[in-house]
Amino acid sequence: MNMLTKLSLALLTTSTILSASGPEIHIGTSLTSMDLGTSESALQHTIGYGVMHTFESNIFLGVGLDFDYTNIYEYSALSYGADFKAGYQFVEKTNLYGLFSPKIQGFENGTGYGFGYGIGANYQPIDELAIALEYRTYNMEHIIEGATLSTSYTQSSYGINLIWYYKE
């Protein structure tokens, strides 16, 4: 079973368990930086879909899919990945969580892939809306089309997301 199939099964299982709270759509922007020998920063725009739930025990779990776009190193980069979030609600309507994120990134001259981790917090002032602040860092591998070697790079980002919960 390849990694994409395992990831899809994990997302399906987790989203089924968490779907009692209803799905959410989020949009956001972040400042991202990559280090491919020299460090460069750019704005990254995100849209995503997922489910999050805070249990009666104040345990917070979430899973989501994200699509990102940025223009960095004179290349357009389109990324997609998954977020697995686990944390705790210390104050009512405020969650603090850690996250784990596999990611695939398409450049005009190749493909990047890797895993990231980070920390986030969200605040939900009303039932339908939340604001999330997140920081994450990725360890990535860039495979250039037609080349036999790959290049390792890091990508870090911090940003803000607006989360809209919709009820059926």
Protein backbone atom coordinates (compact mmCIF):
# COMPACT_ATOMS: atom_id res chain seq x y z
CA MET A 1 0.00 0.00 0.00
CA ASN A 2 1.60 3.26 -1.08
CA MET A 3 1.87 6.34 1.13
CA LEU A 4 -0.93 8.26 -0.62
CA THR A 5 -3.37 5.39 -0.02
CA LYS A 6 -2.39 5.17 3.66
CA LEU A 7 -2.75 8.92 4.04
CA SER A 8 -6.20 8.86 2.38
CA LEU A 9 -7.39 6.05 4.67
CA ALA A 10 -6.12 7.88 7.75
CA LEU A 11 -7.89 11.09 6.68
CA LEU A 12 -11.14 9.24 5.94
CA THR A 13 -11.12 7.42 9.28
CA THR A 14 -10.27 10.53 11.29
CA SER A 15 -12.80 12.72 9.49
CA THR A 16 -15.53 10.14 10.07
CA ILE A 17 -14.80 10.11 13.80
CA LEU A 18 -14.68 13.90 14.05
CA SER A 19 -17.57 14.71 11.71
CA ALA A 20 -20.01 14.99 14.60
CA SER A 21 -18.89 18.61 15.03
CA GLY A 22 -19.46 19.47 11.37
CA PRO A 23 -17.00 20.29 8.60
CA GLU A 24 -15.10 23.53 8.19
CA ILE A 25 -13.59 25.53 5.36
CA HIS A 26 -10.61 27.77 6.00
CA ILE A 27 -8.79 30.44 4.05
CA GLY A 28 -5.65 32.19 5.08
CA THR A 29 -2.39 33.80 4.29
CA SER A 30 1.05 33.27 5.75
CA LEU A 31 4.58 34.48 5.39
CA THR A 32 6.65 31.55 4.22
CA SER A 33 10.41 31.28 3.81
CA MET A 34 12.45 28.67 1.98
CA ASP A 35 16.14 28.01 2.19
CA LEU A 36 17.55 26.58 -1.06
CA GLY A 37 21.07 27.82 -0.36
CA THR A 38 19.85 31.37 0.13
CA SER A 39 16.80 32.26 2.17
CA GLU A 40 13.84 33.93 0.46
CA SER A 41 10.43 34.89 1.85
CA ALA A 42 7.05 35.37 0.17
CA LEU A 43 3.34 35.45 0.94
CA GLN A 44 1.57 32.10 0.71
CA HIS A 45 -2.21 31.83 0.20
CA THR A 46 -4.16 28.87 1.54
CA ILE A 47 -7.59 27.33 1.15
CA GLY A 48 -8.58 24.15 2.93
CA TYR A 49 -11.25 21.83 4.19
CA GLY A 50 -11.40 19.71 7.31
CA VAL A 51 -13.08 18.74 10.54
CA MET A 52 -12.18 19.70 14.10
CA HIS A 53 -13.76 18.70 17.37
CA THR A 54 -13.28 19.51 21.05
CA PHE A 55 -14.48 16.67 23.27
CA GLU A 56 -16.08 17.04 26.72
CA SER A 57 -12.69 16.18 28.23
CA ASN A 58 -11.30 19.34 26.50
CA ILE A 59 -9.17 17.21 24.12
CA PHE A 60 -9.00 18.83 20.68
CA LEU A 61 -8.52 16.81 17.45
CA GLY A 62 -8.61 17.91 13.84
CA VAL A 63 -7.73 16.80 10.34
CA GLY A 64 -7.76 18.76 7.10
CA LEU A 65 -6.54 19.14 3.55
CA ASP A 66 -4.78 22.33 2.45
CA PHE A 67 -3.96 23.82 -0.94
CA ASP A 68 -1.32 26.58 -1.00
CA TYR A 69 0.03 28.91 -3.66
CA THR A 70 3.16 31.05 -3.48
CA ASN A 71 5.60 32.66 -5.90
CA ILE A 72 9.13 32.23 -4.56
CA TYR A 73 12.61 32.06 -6.15
CA GLU A 74 10.98 33.33 -9.38
CA TYR A 75 8.90 30.11 -9.50
CA SER A 76 5.25 29.49 -8.83
CA ALA A 77 4.75 26.79 -6.21
CA LEU A 78 1.44 24.96 -5.78
CA SER A 79 1.30 22.74 -2.70
CA TYR A 80 -1.14 20.33 -1.19
CA GLY A 81 -0.95 18.56 2.10
CA ALA A 82 -2.77 17.28 5.13
CA ASP A 83 -2.91 18.55 8.70
CA PHE A 84 -3.30 16.32 11.73
CA LYS A 85 -3.94 18.39 14.86
CA ALA A 86 -4.09 17.33 18.51
CA GLY A 87 -4.30 19.59 21.51
CA TYR A 88 -6.21 20.82 24.50
CA GLN A 89 -8.78 23.52 25.25
CA PHE A 90 -7.26 25.46 28.17
CA VAL A 91 -9.77 28.31 28.03
CA GLU A 92 -13.33 28.07 26.71
CA LYS A 93 -13.41 28.45 22.90
CA THR A 94 -9.59 28.58 22.69
CA ASN A 95 -7.55 25.56 21.60
CA LEU A 96 -3.79 25.12 21.68
CA TYR A 97 -2.48 22.27 19.53
CA GLY A 98 0.46 20.62 17.87
CA LEU A 99 0.31 19.61 14.23
CA PHE A 100 1.90 17.16 11.83
CA SER A 101 1.71 17.85 8.08
CA PRO A 102 2.85 15.79 5.09
CA LYS A 103 3.18 18.02 1.98
CA ILE A 104 3.79 17.80 -1.78
CA GLN A 105 4.91 20.92 -3.60
CA GLY A 106 4.97 21.42 -7.38
CA PHE A 107 7.43 23.87 -8.90
CA GLU A 108 7.88 24.79 -12.54
CA ASN A 109 11.18 22.86 -12.52
CA GLY A 110 10.32 19.87 -10.31
CA THR A 111 8.57 18.54 -7.26
CA GLY A 112 9.15 18.91 -3.53
CA TYR A 113 7.87 16.61 -0.83
CA GLY A 114 8.34 16.24 2.90
CA PHE A 115 6.93 16.39 6.40
CA GLY A 116 6.29 19.30 8.71
CA TYR A 117 5.42 19.96 12.31
CA GLY A 118 4.32 22.98 14.24
CA ILE A 119 2.08 24.59 16.80
CA GLY A 120 -1.17 26.51 16.55
CA ALA A 121 -3.95 28.15 18.48
CA ASN A 122 -7.50 28.96 17.47
CA TYR A 123 -10.17 31.12 19.04
CA GLN A 124 -13.87 30.73 18.21
CA PRO A 125 -15.76 33.92 19.14
CA ILE A 126 -19.02 32.66 17.55
CA ASP A 127 -20.25 29.18 16.58
CA GLU A 128 -19.68 29.66 12.83
CA LEU A 129 -16.28 31.39 12.85
CA ALA A 130 -12.80 30.87 14.31
CA ILE A 131 -9.42 32.53 13.89
CA ALA A 132 -6.28 30.39 13.93
CA LEU A 133 -2.61 31.35 14.24
CA GLU A 134 -0.11 28.67 13.24
CA TYR A 135 3.63 28.20 12.89
CA ARG A 136 5.11 25.24 11.06
CA THR A 137 8.39 24.09 9.59
CA TYR A 138 8.95 21.47 6.88
CA ASN A 139 11.93 19.35 5.94
CA MET A 140 11.56 18.99 2.17
CA GLU A 141 13.28 17.22 -0.71
CA HIS A 142 13.27 18.88 -4.18
CA ILE A 143 13.57 16.66 -7.24
CA ILE A 144 14.43 18.65 -10.37
CA GLU A 145 12.94 17.33 -13.62
CA GLY A 146 15.52 15.48 -15.69
CA ALA A 147 18.12 15.41 -12.89
CA THR A 148 19.28 12.36 -10.96
CA LEU A 149 20.02 14.28 -7.76
CA SER A 150 17.68 15.92 -5.30
CA THR A 151 18.14 18.94 -3.06
CA SER A 152 17.06 19.16 0.58
CA TYR A 153 15.52 22.38 1.81
CA THR A 154 13.55 23.72 4.73
CA GLN A 155 10.35 25.72 4.57
CA SER A 156 8.94 27.64 7.52
CA SER A 157 5.74 29.62 7.72
CA TYR A 158 3.60 31.49 10.18
CA GLY A 159 0.19 32.77 9.34
CA ILE A 160 -3.44 33.39 10.11
CA ASN A 161 -6.50 31.44 8.96
CA LEU A 162 -10.17 32.33 9.10
CA ILE A 163 -12.23 29.20 9.70
CA TRP A 164 -15.88 28.96 8.76
CA TYR A 165 -17.88 26.09 10.29
CA TYR A 166 -20.99 25.18 8.39
CA LYS A 167 -23.85 23.17 9.81
CA GLU A 168 -26.09 20.96 7.75
